[in-house]
C-alpha atoms as a PDB file:
ATOM      1  CA  MET A   1       0.000   0.000   0.000  1.00  0.00           C
ATOM      2  CA  ARG A   2       2.935   2.333   0.622  1.00  0.00           C
ATOM      3  CA  GLN A   3       3.882   2.133  -3.044  1.00  0.00           C
ATOM      4  CA  LEU A   4       0.266   2.791  -4.042  1.00  0.00           C
ATOM      5  CA  ILE A   5       0.211   5.951  -1.925  1.00  0.00           C
ATOM      6  CA  ILE A   6       3.453   7.131  -3.530  1.00  0.00           C
ATOM      7  CA  ASN A   7       2.913   6.172  -7.169  1.00  0.00           C
ATOM      8  CA  SER A   8      -0.803   6.643  -7.880  1.00  0.00           C
ATOM      9  CA  GLU A   9      -2.052   9.980  -9.203  1.00  0.00           C
ATOM     10  CA  TYR A  10      -5.187   9.882  -7.066  1.00  0.00           C
ATOM     11  CA  CYS A  11      -6.229   8.274  -3.812  1.00  0.00           C
ATOM     12  CA  ILE A  12      -9.861   8.521  -2.774  1.00  0.00           C
ATOM     13  CA  ALA A  13     -12.559   7.043  -0.586  1.00  0.00           C
ATOM     14  CA  GLY A  14     -15.877   6.614  -2.319  1.00  0.00           C
ATOM     15  CA  LYS A  15     -19.116   4.760  -2.866  1.00  0.00           C
ATOM     16  CA  VAL A  16     -19.821   2.743  -6.005  1.00  0.00           C
ATOM     17  CA  LEU A  17     -23.170   4.086  -7.257  1.00  0.00           C
ATOM     18  CA  ASP A  18     -23.519   1.929 -10.343  1.00  0.00           C
ATOM     19  CA  ILE A  19     -21.731  -0.344 -12.808  1.00  0.00           C
ATOM     20  CA  LYS A  20     -22.247   0.487 -16.475  1.00  0.00           C
ATOM     21  CA  THR A  21     -21.241  -1.675 -19.434  1.00  0.00           C
ATOM     22  CA  LYS A  22     -20.607  -1.064 -23.112  1.00  0.00           C
ATOM     23  CA  GLN A  23     -20.311  -3.816 -25.717  1.00  0.00           C
ATOM     24  CA  GLU A  24     -18.200  -3.518 -28.853  1.00  0.00           C
ATOM     25  CA  TYR A  25     -17.678  -6.018 -31.658  1.00  0.00           C
ATOM     26  CA  ILE A  26     -13.973  -6.513 -32.398  1.00  0.00           C
ATOM     27  CA  GLN A  27     -12.887  -7.676 -35.851  1.00  0.00           C
ATOM     28  CA  PRO A  28      -9.290  -9.008 -36.154  1.00  0.00           C
ATOM     29  CA  LEU A  29      -7.288  -6.484 -38.196  1.00  0.00           C
ATOM     30  CA  ASP A  30      -4.957  -9.067 -39.740  1.00  0.00           C
ATOM     31  CA  ASP A  31      -7.686 -11.418 -41.004  1.00  0.00           C
ATOM     32  CA  LYS A  32     -10.907  -9.872 -42.225  1.00  0.00           C
ATOM     33  CA  LYS A  33     -12.453 -13.306 -42.805  1.00  0.00           C
ATOM     34  CA  ALA A  34     -11.868 -14.497 -39.258  1.00  0.00           C
ATOM     35  CA  ASP A  35     -14.669 -14.365 -36.734  1.00  0.00           C
ATOM     36  CA  GLY A  36     -14.553 -11.440 -34.399  1.00  0.00           C
ATOM     37  CA  PHE A  37     -15.719 -11.267 -30.812  1.00  0.00           C
ATOM     38  CA  THR A  38     -17.788  -9.033 -28.605  1.00  0.00           C
ATOM     39  CA  ARG A  39     -15.855  -7.166 -25.915  1.00  0.00           C
ATOM     40  CA  THR A  40     -17.628  -5.867 -22.833  1.00  0.00           C
ATOM     41  CA  ASP A  41     -16.171  -2.797 -21.147  1.00  0.00           C
ATOM     42  CA  TYR A  42     -17.054  -2.070 -17.518  1.00  0.00           C
ATOM     43  CA  PHE A  43     -17.262   1.332 -15.847  1.00  0.00           C
ATOM     44  CA  ALA A  44     -17.740   1.948 -12.120  1.00  0.00           C
ATOM     45  CA  GLN A  45     -19.548   5.171 -11.279  1.00  0.00           C
ATOM     46  CA  VAL A  46     -18.016   6.257  -7.977  1.00  0.00           C
ATOM     47  CA  LEU A  47     -19.121   9.110  -5.735  1.00  0.00           C
ATOM     48  CA  ILE A  48     -16.041  10.526  -4.013  1.00  0.00           C
ATOM     49  CA  THR A  49     -16.504  10.930  -0.253  1.00  0.00           C
ATOM     50  CA  GLU A  50     -12.922  11.911   0.615  1.00  0.00           C
ATOM     51  CA  VAL A  51      -9.798  12.828  -1.325  1.00  0.00           C
ATOM     52  CA  PHE A  52      -6.331  11.952  -0.006  1.00  0.00           C
ATOM     53  CA  LYS A  53      -4.379  12.697  -3.170  1.00  0.00           C
ATOM     54  CA  GLY A  54      -5.215  14.376  -6.472  1.00  0.00           C
ATOM     55  CA  SER A  55      -7.201  17.308  -7.755  1.00  0.00           C
ATOM     56  CA  LYS A  56     -10.706  15.879  -7.436  1.00  0.00           C
ATOM     57  CA  HIS A  57     -13.143  16.932  -4.714  1.00  0.00           C
ATOM     58  CA  ALA A  58     -15.584  15.223  -2.367  1.00  0.00           C
ATOM     59  CA  GLN A  59     -19.032  14.809  -3.950  1.00  0.00           C
ATOM     60  CA  ASP A  60     -17.501  14.572  -7.435  1.00  0.00           C
ATOM     61  CA  THR A  61     -18.586  11.490  -9.388  1.00  0.00           C
ATOM     62  CA  ILE A  62     -15.985   9.772 -11.539  1.00  0.00           C
ATOM     63  CA  SER A  63     -16.006   6.856 -13.970  1.00  0.00           C
ATOM     64  CA  ILE A  64     -13.433   4.087 -13.471  1.00  0.00           C
ATOM     65  CA  SER A  65     -12.732   1.696 -16.342  1.00  0.00           C
ATOM     66  CA  PHE A  66     -12.077  -1.886 -15.215  1.00  0.00           C
ATOM     67  CA  ASN A  67     -12.166  -5.483 -16.439  1.00  0.00           C
ATOM     68  CA  PRO A  68     -13.448  -7.976 -13.845  1.00  0.00           C
ATOM     69  CA  ASN A  69     -12.946 -10.892 -16.254  1.00  0.00           C
ATOM     70  CA  MET A  70      -9.173 -10.609 -16.423  1.00  0.00           C
ATOM     71  CA  VAL A  71      -7.510 -13.843 -15.287  1.00  0.00           C
ATOM     72  CA  CYS A  72      -3.906 -12.860 -14.641  1.00  0.00           C
ATOM     73  CA  PRO A  73      -2.842 -10.560 -13.136  1.00  0.00           C
ATOM     74  CA  GLY A  74      -5.715 -10.286 -10.674  1.00  0.00           C
ATOM     75  CA  PRO A  75      -8.330  -7.788 -11.874  1.00  0.00           C
ATOM     76  CA  ASP A  76      -9.572  -4.733 -10.070  1.00  0.00           C
ATOM     77  CA  VAL A  77     -13.233  -5.323  -9.182  1.00  0.00           C
ATOM     78  CA  TYR A  78     -15.932  -2.845  -8.242  1.00  0.00           C
ATOM     79  CA  ASN A  79     -19.436  -3.792  -7.069  1.00  0.00           C
ATOM     80  CA  LYS A  80     -22.494  -1.592  -6.846  1.00  0.00           C
ATOM     81  CA  ASP A  81     -23.383  -0.144  -3.417  1.00  0.00           C
ATOM     82  CA  THR A  82     -19.984  -0.863  -1.889  1.00  0.00           C
ATOM     83  CA  GLU A  83     -17.562   1.486  -0.149  1.00  0.00           C
ATOM     84  CA  VAL A  84     -14.024   1.565  -1.514  1.00  0.00           C
ATOM     85  CA  ILE A  85     -10.597   3.012  -0.988  1.00  0.00           C
ATOM     86  CA  THR A  86      -9.049   3.198  -4.429  1.00  0.00           C
ATOM     87  CA  PHE A  87      -5.770   4.340  -5.935  1.00  0.00           C
ATOM     88  CA  LEU A  88      -6.176   5.722  -9.448  1.00  0.00           C
ATOM     89  CA  ASP A  89      -4.475   7.104 -12.531  1.00  0.00           C
ATOM     90  CA  GLN A  90      -6.240   9.202 -15.151  1.00  0.00           C
ATOM     91  CA  SER A  91      -5.914   8.570 -18.848  1.00  0.00           C
ATOM     92  CA  SER A  92      -4.255  11.298 -20.900  1.00  0.00           C
ATOM     93  CA  THR A  93      -6.599  10.589 -23.824  1.00  0.00           C
ATOM     94  CA  ASP A  94     -10.002  10.605 -22.112  1.00  0.00           C
ATOM     95  CA  THR A  95     -11.709  11.454 -18.819  1.00  0.00           C
ATOM     96  CA  LEU A  96     -11.707   7.895 -17.523  1.00  0.00           C
ATOM     97  CA  PHE A  97      -9.832   6.739 -14.450  1.00  0.00           C
ATOM     98  CA  ARG A  98      -8.067   3.399 -14.127  1.00  0.00           C
ATOM     99  CA  THR A  99      -7.047   1.541 -10.993  1.00  0.00           C
ATOM    100  CA  HIS A 100      -3.339   1.718 -10.224  1.00  0.00           C
ATOM    101  CA  SER A 101      -1.887  -1.821  -9.985  1.00  0.00           C
ATOM    102  CA  LEU A 102      -5.222  -3.557 -10.704  1.00  0.00           C
ATOM    103  CA  SER A 103      -6.400  -5.760  -7.794  1.00  0.00           C
ATOM    104  CA  TYR A 104      -3.873  -4.245  -5.379  1.00  0.00           C
ATOM    105  CA  GLY A 105      -5.187  -0.751  -6.023  1.00  0.00           C
ATOM    106  CA  VAL A 106      -8.783  -1.083  -4.835  1.00  0.00           C
ATOM    107  CA  LYS A 107      -9.861  -1.992  -1.306  1.00  0.00           C
ATOM    108  CA  THR A 108     -13.512  -2.948  -0.815  1.00  0.00           C
ATOM    109  CA  ILE A 109     -14.482  -1.818   2.679  1.00  0.00           C
ATOM    110  CA  SER A 110     -16.733  -3.895   4.930  1.00  0.00           C
ATOM    111  CA  ASN A 111     -17.551  -1.457   7.740  1.00  0.00           C
ATOM    112  CA  ALA A 112     -16.860   1.983   9.222  1.00  0.00           C
ATOM    113  CA  GLN A 113     -14.053   0.713  11.444  1.00  0.00           C
ATOM    114  CA  GLU A 114     -12.213  -0.755   8.480  1.00  0.00           C
ATOM    115  CA  MET A 115     -12.680   2.447   6.488  1.00  0.00           C
ATOM    116  CA  GLN A 116     -11.223   4.472   9.357  1.00  0.00           C
ATOM    117  CA  TRP A 117      -8.246   2.096   9.577  1.00  0.00           C
ATOM    118  CA  TYR A 118      -7.345   2.599   5.922  1.00  0.00           C
ATOM    119  CA  LYS A 119      -7.827   6.362   6.154  1.00  0.00           C
ATOM    120  CA  THR A 120      -5.559   6.515   9.206  1.00  0.00           C
ATOM    121  CA  LEU A 121      -2.819   4.506   7.509  1.00  0.00           C
ATOM    122  CA  ILE A 122      -2.933   6.635   4.364  1.00  0.00           C
ATOM    123  CA  ARG A 123      -2.715   9.896   6.305  1.00  0.00           C
ATOM    124  CA  GLN A 124       0.110   8.560   8.481  1.00  0.00           C
ATOM    125  CA  MET A 125       2.166   7.508   5.453  1.00  0.00           C
ATOM    126  CA  GLN A 126       1.601  10.845   3.755  1.00  0.00           C
ATOM    127  CA  ILE A 127       3.053  12.557   6.836  1.00  0.00           C
ATOM    128  CA  ILE A 128       5.991  10.132   7.029  1.00  0.00           C
ATOM    129  CA  LEU A 129       6.885  10.836   3.394  1.00  0.00           C
ATOM    130  CA  THR A 130       7.393  14.521   4.228  1.00  0.00           C
ATOM    131  CA  TYR A 131      10.154  13.863   6.784  1.00  0.00           C
ATOM    132  CA  PRO A 132      13.404  15.336   5.406  1.00  0.00           C
ATOM    133  CA  ASN A 133      15.642  13.049   7.478  1.00  0.00           C
ATOM    134  CA  VAL A 134      15.991   9.770   5.570  1.00  0.00           C
ATOM    135  CA  VAL A 135      16.805   7.667   8.654  1.00  0.00           C
ATOM    136  CA  GLN A 136      13.769   8.973  10.555  1.00  0.00           C
ATOM    137  CA  ARG A 137      11.599   8.433   7.476  1.00  0.00           C
ATOM    138  CA  GLN A 138      12.750   4.834   7.107  1.00  0.00           C
ATOM    139  CA  GLN A 139      12.374   3.987  10.795  1.00  0.00           C
ATOM    140  CA  GLU A 140       8.883   5.507  10.884  1.00  0.00           C
ATOM    141  CA  THR A 141       8.039   3.521   7.738  1.00  0.00           C
ATOM    142  CA  ILE A 142       9.086   0.285   9.439  1.00  0.00           C
ATOM    143  CA  GLU A 143       6.804   1.095  12.376  1.00  0.00           C
ATOM    144  CA  TRP A 144       3.987   1.864   9.912  1.00  0.00           C
ATOM    145  CA  LEU A 145       4.546  -1.475   8.161  1.00  0.00           C
ATOM    146  CA  VAL A 146       4.453  -3.294  11.503  1.00  0.00           C
ATOM    147  CA  ARG A 147       1.091  -1.655  12.262  1.00  0.00           C
ATOM    148  CA  CYS A 148      -0.138  -2.829   8.854  1.00  0.00           C
ATOM    149  CA  ALA A 149       1.020  -6.371   9.613  1.00  0.00           C
ATOM    150  CA  GLU A 150      -0.828  -6.375  12.952  1.00  0.00           C
ATOM    151  CA  ASN A 151      -4.199  -5.932  11.241  1.00  0.00           C
ATOM    152  CA  TYR A 152      -5.796  -8.785   9.284  1.00  0.00           C
ATOM    153  CA  LYS A 153      -6.998  -6.539   6.445  1.00  0.00           C
ATOM    154  CA  THR A 154      -3.569  -4.975   5.838  1.00  0.00           C
ATOM    155  CA  ARG A 155      -1.412  -7.902   6.950  1.00  0.00           C
ATOM    156  CA  TRP A 156      -0.043  -8.595   3.483  1.00  0.00           C
ATOM    157  CA  ASP A 157       0.823  -4.912   2.915  1.00  0.00           C
ATOM    158  CA  GLY A 158       3.058  -4.945   5.968  1.00  0.00           C
ATOM    159  CA  ILE A 159       4.658  -8.353   5.506  1.00  0.00           C
ATOM    160  CA  TYR A 160       5.416  -7.850   1.813  1.00  0.00           C
ATOM    161  CA  GLU A 161       7.640  -4.822   2.419  1.00  0.00           C
ATOM    162  CA  LEU A 162       9.145  -5.950   5.711  1.00  0.00           C
ATOM    163  CA  LYS A 163      10.554  -9.177   4.300  1.00  0.00           C
ATOM    164  CA  GLN A 164      14.200  -9.230   3.307  1.00  0.00           C
ATOM    165  CA  GLY A 165      14.676  -8.693  -0.398  1.00  0.00           C
ATOM    166  CA  SER A 166      11.744  -6.305  -0.800  1.00  0.00           C
ATOM    167  CA  GLU A 167      12.454  -3.041  -2.615  1.00  0.00           C
ATOM    168  CA  PHE A 168      12.015  -1.077   0.600  1.00  0.00           C
ATOM    169  CA  MET A 169      14.277  -3.271   2.746  1.00  0.00           C
ATOM    170  CA  VAL A 170      17.019  -3.357   0.089  1.00  0.00           C
ATOM    171  CA  ALA A 171      17.023   0.451  -0.049  1.00  0.00           C
ATOM    172  CA  TYR A 172      16.859   0.642   3.736  1.00  0.00           C
ATOM    173  CA  ASN A 173      19.810  -1.713   4.238  1.00  0.00           C
ATOM    174  CA  MET A 174      21.898   0.303   1.777  1.00  0.00           C
ATOM    175  CA  THR A 175      21.284   3.624   3.529  1.00  0.00           C
ATOM    176  CA  PRO A 176      24.454   4.817   5.300  1.00  0.00           C
ATOM    177  CA  LEU A 177      23.924   5.178   9.039  1.00  0.00           C
ATOM    178  CA  LEU A 178      25.973   6.686  11.806  1.00  0.00           C
ATOM    179  CA  GLU A 179      27.652   4.028  13.945  1.00  0.00           C
ATOM    180  CA  VAL A 180      25.390   4.887  16.884  1.00  0.00           C
ATOM    181  CA  GLN A 181      22.366   4.093  14.712  1.00  0.00           C
ATOM    182  CA  ARG A 182      23.530   0.720  13.406  1.00  0.00           C
ATOM    183  CA  ASN A 183      22.177  -1.210  16.383  1.00  0.00           C
ATOM    184  CA  GLU A 184      18.738   0.216  15.607  1.00  0.00           C
ATOM    185  CA  ARG A 185      18.634  -0.958  11.994  1.00  0.00           C
ATOM    186  CA  GLY A 186      15.587  -3.028  11.092  1.00  0.00           C
ATOM    187  CA  LEU A 187      12.901  -4.226  13.477  1.00  0.00           C
ATOM    188  CA  ASN A 188      13.540  -3.466  17.127  1.00  0.00           C
ATOM    189  CA  SER A 189      12.851  -6.006  19.894  1.00  0.00           C
ATOM    190  CA  ILE A 190       9.442  -4.513  20.754  1.00  0.00           C
ATOM    191  CA  GLN A 191       8.286  -4.653  17.123  1.00  0.00           C
ATOM    192  CA  LYS A 192       9.465  -8.264  16.813  1.00  0.00           C
ATOM    193  CA  GLN A 193       7.545  -9.193  19.952  1.00  0.00           C
ATOM    194  CA  ARG A 194       4.412  -7.529  18.595  1.00  0.00           C
ATOM    195  CA  LEU A 195       4.636  -9.519  15.362  1.00  0.00           C
ATOM    196  CA  TYR A 196       5.202 -12.725  17.317  1.00  0.00           C
ATOM    197  CA  ASN A 197       2.213 -11.988  19.576  1.00  0.00           C
ATOM    198  CA  TYR A 198       0.063 -11.328  16.538  1.00  0.00           C
ATOM    199  CA  PHE A 199       1.076 -14.634  14.955  1.00  0.00           C
ATOM    200  CA  VAL A 200       0.336 -16.786  17.996  1.00  0.00           C
ATOM    201  CA  GLN A 201      -3.005 -15.034  18.632  1.00  0.00           C
ATOM    202  CA  THR A 202      -4.240 -15.452  15.054  1.00  0.00           C
ATOM    203  CA  ASN A 203      -6.642 -18.245  14.172  1.00  0.00           C
ATOM    204  CA  ILE A 204      -4.305 -20.829  12.684  1.00  0.00           C
ATOM    205  CA  SER A 205      -6.779 -21.654   9.901  1.00  0.00           C
ATOM    206  CA  THR A 206      -6.563 -18.085   8.503  1.00  0.00           C
ATOM    207  CA  LEU A 207      -2.778 -18.074   8.212  1.00  0.00           C
ATOM    208  CA  SER A 208      -0.991 -18.206   4.865  1.00  0.00           C
ATOM    209  CA  TYR A 209       2.551 -18.588   3.613  1.00  0.00           C
ATOM    210  CA  TRP A 210       3.065 -14.841   4.096  1.00  0.00           C
ATOM    211  CA  ASP A 211       2.360 -15.191   7.807  1.00  0.00           C
ATOM    212  CA  PHE A 212       5.265 -17.565   8.181  1.00  0.00           C
ATOM    213  CA  THR A 213       7.427 -14.853   6.644  1.00  0.00           C
ATOM    214  CA  LEU A 214       6.107 -12.677   9.457  1.00  0.00           C
ATOM    215  CA  LEU A 215       7.134 -15.359  11.936  1.00  0.00           C
ATOM    216  CA  GLU A 216      10.656 -15.362  10.529  1.00  0.00           C
ATOM    217  CA  LEU A 217      10.794 -11.587  10.924  1.00  0.00           C
ATOM    218  CA  ALA A 218       9.721 -11.892  14.546  1.00  0.00           C
ATOM    219  CA  LEU A 219      12.143 -14.695  15.388  1.00  0.00           C
ATOM    220  CA  GLU A 220      14.984 -13.559  13.086  1.00  0.00           C
ATOM    221  CA  SER A 221      14.912 -16.881  11.198  1.00  0.00           C
ATOM    222  CA  ASP A 222      15.671 -18.804  14.399  1.00  0.00           C
ATOM    223  CA  LYS A 223      14.872 -22.271  12.992  1.00  0.00           C
ATOM    224  CA  LYS A 224      14.825 -23.920  16.399  1.00  0.00           C
ATOM    225  CA  LYS A 225      12.205 -21.525  17.807  1.00  0.00           C
ATOM    226  CA  ILE A 226      10.113 -21.712  14.638  1.00  0.00           C
ATOM    227  CA  LYS A 227      10.119 -25.523  14.689  1.00  0.00           C
ATOM    228  CA  GLU A 228       9.095 -25.474  18.364  1.00  0.00           C
ATOM    229  CA  LEU A 229       6.173 -23.205  17.530  1.00  0.00           C
ATOM    230  CA  LEU A 230       5.086 -25.406  14.631  1.00  0.00           C
ATOM    231  CA  LYS A 231       5.171 -28.451  16.899  1.00  0.00           C
ATOM    232  CA  LYS A 232       2.846 -26.661  19.279  1.00  0.00           C
ATOM    233  CA  TYR A 233       0.279 -25.631  16.665  1.00  0.00           C
ATOM    234  CA  ILE A 234       0.500 -28.291  13.956  1.00  0.00           C
ATOM    235  CA  SER A 235      -2.129 -30.589  15.507  1.00  0.00           C
ATOM    236  CA  LYS A 236      -4.708 -27.770  15.350  1.00  0.00           C
ATOM    237  CA  ILE A 237      -4.568 -27.626  11.550  1.00  0.00           C
ATOM    238  CA  ALA A 238      -7.026 -29.728   9.565  1.00  0.00           C
ATOM    239  CA  TYR A 239      -5.612 -31.442   6.480  1.00  0.00           C
ATOM    240  CA  SER A 240      -8.374 -29.874   4.373  1.00  0.00           C
ATOM    241  CA  SER A 241      -7.618 -26.287   5.428  1.00  0.00           C
ATOM    242  CA  GLU A 242      -5.920 -23.945   2.974  1.00  0.00           C
ATOM    243  CA  VAL A 243      -3.034 -23.381   5.344  1.00  0.00           C
ATOM    244  CA  ALA A 244      -2.099 -27.093   5.498  1.00  0.00           C
ATOM    245  CA  LEU A 245      -0.272 -27.073   2.175  1.00  0.00           C
ATOM    246  CA  TYR A 246       1.396 -23.771   3.078  1.00  0.00           C
ATOM    247  CA  VAL A 247       2.705 -25.306   6.303  1.00  0.00           C
ATOM    248  CA  MET A 248       3.991 -28.432   4.577  1.00  0.00           C
ATOM    249  CA  ASN A 249       5.874 -26.417   1.958  1.00  0.00           C
ATOM    250  CA  TYR A 250       7.144 -23.980   4.568  1.00  0.00           C
ATOM    251  CA  TYR A 251       8.448 -26.746   6.810  1.00  0.00           C
ATOM    252  CA  GLY A 252      10.153 -28.409   3.844  1.00  0.00           C
ATOM    253  CA  THR A 253      11.969 -25.147   3.115  1.00  0.00           C
ATOM    254  CA  LEU A 254      12.774 -24.666   6.786  1.00  0.00           C
ATOM    255  CA  ILE A 255      14.546 -28.004   7.173  1.00  0.00           C
ATOM    256  CA  ASN A 256      15.647 -28.241   3.507  1.00  0.00           C
ATOM    257  CA  ASN A 257      14.037 -31.668   3.075  1.00  0.00           C
ATOM    258  CA  LYS A 258      13.765 -32.548  -0.635  1.00  0.00           C
ATOM    259  CA  HIS A 259      11.673 -35.650   0.119  1.00  0.00           C
ATOM    260  CA  LEU A 260       9.094 -33.424   1.815  1.00  0.00           C
ATOM    261  CA  TYR A 261       8.744 -31.403  -1.391  1.00  0.00           C
ATOM    262  CA  ILE A 262       7.711 -34.609  -3.183  1.00  0.00           C
ATOM    263  CA  THR A 263       5.299 -35.403  -0.344  1.00  0.00           C
ATOM    264  CA  SER A 264       3.708 -31.957  -0.605  1.00  0.00           C
ATOM    265  CA  ASP A 265       3.160 -32.499  -4.354  1.00  0.00           C
ATOM    266  CA  GLU A 266       1.372 -35.790  -3.570  1.00  0.00           C
ATOM    267  CA  PHE A 267      -0.650 -34.052  -0.870  1.00  0.00           C
ATOM    268  CA  GLN A 268      -1.676 -31.269  -3.259  1.00  0.00           C
ATOM    269  CA  GLU A 269      -2.681 -33.807  -5.900  1.00  0.00           C
ATOM    270  CA  ALA A 270      -4.828 -35.711  -3.383  1.00  0.00           C
ATOM    271  CA  LEU A 271      -6.600 -32.443  -2.517  1.00  0.00           C
ATOM    272  CA  SER A 272      -7.160 -31.403  -6.132  1.00  0.00           C
ATOM    273  CA  ALA A 273     -10.571 -31.536  -7.744  1.00  0.00           C
ATOM    274  CA  THR A 274      -9.237 -33.785 -10.506  1.00  0.00           C
ATOM    275  CA  ASN A 275      -7.705 -36.445  -8.265  1.00  0.00           C
ATOM    276  CA  HIS A 276      -9.705 -35.824  -5.092  1.00  0.00           C
ATOM    277  CA  ASN A 277      -8.736 -38.447  -2.540  1.00  0.00           C
ATOM    278  CA  PRO A 278      -9.477 -37.253   1.017  1.00  0.00           C
ATOM    279  CA  GLU A 279      -8.371 -40.551   2.604  1.00  0.00           C
ATOM    280  CA  LYS A 280      -4.929 -40.298   0.995  1.00  0.00           C
ATOM    281  CA  ALA A 281      -4.666 -36.584   1.829  1.00  0.00           C
ATOM    282  CA  SER A 282      -5.536 -37.263   5.462  1.00  0.00           C
ATOM    283  CA  LEU A 283      -2.965 -40.064   5.688  1.00  0.00           C
ATOM    284  CA  ILE A 284      -0.203 -37.903   4.184  1.00  0.00           C
ATOM    285  CA  TRP A 285      -1.070 -35.023   6.499  1.00  0.00           C
ATOM    286  CA  ASN A 286      -1.170 -37.148   9.663  1.00  0.00           C
ATOM    287  CA  THR A 287       2.196 -38.686   8.735  1.00  0.00           C
ATOM    288  CA  PHE A 288       3.605 -35.194   8.237  1.00  0.00           C
ATOM    289  CA  VAL A 289       2.220 -33.975  11.589  1.00  0.00           C
ATOM    290  CA  ALA A 290       3.859 -36.927  13.351  1.00  0.00           C
ATOM    291  CA  GLN A 291       7.136 -36.144  11.604  1.00  0.00           C
ATOM    292  CA  VAL A 292       7.059 -32.525  12.774  1.00  0.00           C
ATOM    293  CA  GLN A 293       6.184 -33.466  16.333  1.00  0.00           C
ATOM    294  CA  ASN A 294       8.912 -36.138  16.517  1.00  0.00           C
ATOM    295  CA  THR A 295      11.699 -34.138  14.882  1.00  0.00           C
ATOM    296  CA  PRO A 296      14.227 -32.957  17.478  1.00  0.00           C
END
């Protein structure tokens, strides 16, 4: 979300009043005899309720062009009578707006509390970006990312940029610091404890691979501590839950077990719609759980 705040031309809160469509028949230019196809264009009519960035005003109504039928990358989707936070760019050739970064650039809001959370984060980041001191700006950004990671709705936004190798962390680690500041580089002990507390308090069935990245941030890739935590929680995970495959792959990476990668492929195949075999999936999972619990 930080990159969205920085790179989009507009950032607004609004209500989707309507979805309009326009159909157009497309004839292939290189083969006039070939059959064409009908393309449907979608336009979200959005009433702006608050402007965080850009030259529009509250109570303006804008039209956002989008394609909900896109397969990859994930499409931006707007639905009538929903509240949204959206990051936009405006076309130079027409009056239409388009979502910056597709699915990442529009947040459908469920309730007033969630809307306030996004608004608070956006305003906080806008303030942080004005700090002239680069070290202060980076340290405040890390704290902002930790706050994102502590909330289910913005968890991915925080984890994605806090992980080593992200664009932000690479730039941060290359920033020259005074010697007195070097001990403060990265997450401090309080922030790590907060991320750890969040992980252990989260419903295990809602966790994903990204959350185990969060766990590594909190425990500084301490494999022994991470394995101990997995031992404690592994029995609470049902083989049919989405997180089960994440955990199996994560544990295989953690202990660098090539055989476990093969096992996870078999497990995934047993869960698939094509080769659905719940008995086999359950057996593989229970064997894996026993392996985790019995590994020193």
